[in-house]
Amino acid sequence: MIADGGYRGTGLVIPHRHGPGQAELPAWKEEHNRSHRKVRARVEHTFARMKNWKILRDCRLKGDGVHHAMLGIARLHNLALAG
């Protein structure tokens, strides 16, 4: 599971940061951060879309309503991408 820098020490995959006295990151860490940003952007855009459609708010976390809503959104999004 990926996360942002706020989840340090949790075992999740977070972006690499500069160490003390380190001018810049090695190329492989920069590449990892780049791919991490691309994946997180997709996830954040999905959450934003769900909030715009008021799906998360309207489910009210009753039972597995949010789970079904997210599955439905993912399916609609994939159908839209498939064209």
Protein backbone atom coordinates (compact mmCIF):
# COMPACT_ATOMS: atom_id res chain seq x y z
CA MET A 1 0.00 0.00 0.00
CA ILE A 2 1.33 3.44 -0.83
CA ALA A 3 0.97 6.56 1.27
CA ASP A 4 2.32 10.07 1.60
CA GLY A 5 5.07 11.24 3.95
CA GLY A 6 2.65 11.56 6.86
CA TYR A 7 2.70 7.79 7.34
CA ARG A 8 6.41 7.36 8.14
CA GLY A 9 7.24 4.31 10.22
CA THR A 10 4.04 2.43 9.38
CA GLY A 11 5.55 0.03 6.86
CA LEU A 12 3.69 1.64 3.96
CA VAL A 13 5.50 2.69 0.78
CA ILE A 14 6.19 6.42 1.07
CA PRO A 15 8.28 8.78 -1.08
CA HIS A 16 12.02 9.03 -0.44
CA ARG A 17 13.31 12.18 1.24
CA HIS A 18 16.67 13.90 1.38
CA GLY A 19 18.80 12.91 4.33
CA PRO A 20 20.64 15.41 6.49
CA GLY A 21 23.42 16.99 4.43
CA GLN A 22 22.30 15.20 1.27
CA ALA A 23 22.16 17.54 -1.73
CA GLU A 24 19.92 15.39 -3.95
CA LEU A 25 18.45 11.92 -4.18
CA PRO A 26 20.03 9.18 -6.28
CA ALA A 27 18.44 8.64 -9.71
CA TRP A 28 16.68 5.40 -8.67
CA LYS A 29 15.00 7.15 -5.72
CA GLU A 30 13.89 10.03 -7.97
CA GLU A 31 12.40 7.49 -10.40
CA HIS A 32 10.62 5.73 -7.53
CA ASN A 33 9.19 9.05 -6.33
CA ARG A 34 8.03 9.85 -9.88
CA SER A 35 6.12 6.57 -10.23
CA HIS A 36 4.76 6.97 -6.68
CA ARG A 37 3.36 10.42 -7.57
CA LYS A 38 1.64 9.07 -10.69
CA VAL A 39 -0.13 6.31 -8.77
CA ARG A 40 -1.13 8.58 -5.87
CA ALA A 41 -2.49 11.20 -8.28
CA ARG A 42 -4.88 8.62 -9.76
CA VAL A 43 -6.09 7.60 -6.31
CA GLU A 44 -6.54 11.20 -5.14
CA HIS A 45 -8.47 12.07 -8.31
CA THR A 46 -10.76 9.10 -7.69
CA PHE A 47 -11.45 10.28 -4.13
CA ALA A 48 -12.13 13.80 -5.41
CA ARG A 49 -14.58 12.44 -7.98
CA MET A 50 -16.39 10.43 -5.31
CA LYS A 51 -16.67 13.54 -3.13
CA ASN A 52 -18.05 15.53 -6.07
CA TRP A 53 -20.67 12.87 -6.64
CA LYS A 54 -21.38 12.91 -2.87
CA ILE A 55 -21.06 9.14 -2.79
CA LEU A 56 -18.88 8.96 0.28
CA ARG A 57 -21.08 11.35 2.22
CA ASP A 58 -24.35 9.68 1.27
CA CYS A 59 -23.25 6.14 2.13
CA ARG A 60 -22.96 7.14 5.80
CA LEU A 61 -20.67 4.17 6.39
CA LYS A 62 -23.65 1.86 6.98
CA GLY A 63 -22.66 -1.74 6.50
CA ASP A 64 -20.58 -2.18 3.40
CA GLY A 65 -22.18 0.71 1.48
CA VAL A 66 -18.89 2.51 0.90
CA HIS A 67 -17.31 -0.70 -0.37
CA HIS A 68 -20.08 -1.22 -2.92
CA ALA A 69 -20.00 2.44 -3.94
CA MET A 70 -16.25 2.29 -4.56
CA LEU A 71 -16.62 -0.91 -6.60
CA GLY A 72 -19.30 0.74 -8.70
CA ILE A 73 -17.24 3.85 -9.30
CA ALA A 74 -14.20 1.80 -10.22
CA ARG A 75 -16.28 -0.22 -12.70
CA LEU A 76 -17.77 2.93 -14.28
CA HIS A 77 -14.34 4.52 -14.51
CA ASN A 78 -12.86 1.43 -16.19
CA LEU A 79 -15.76 1.28 -18.64
CA ALA A 80 -15.19 4.95 -19.51
CA LEU A 81 -11.50 4.27 -20.11
CA ALA A 82 -12.29 1.25 -22.29
CA GLY A 83 -14.35 3.56 -24.44
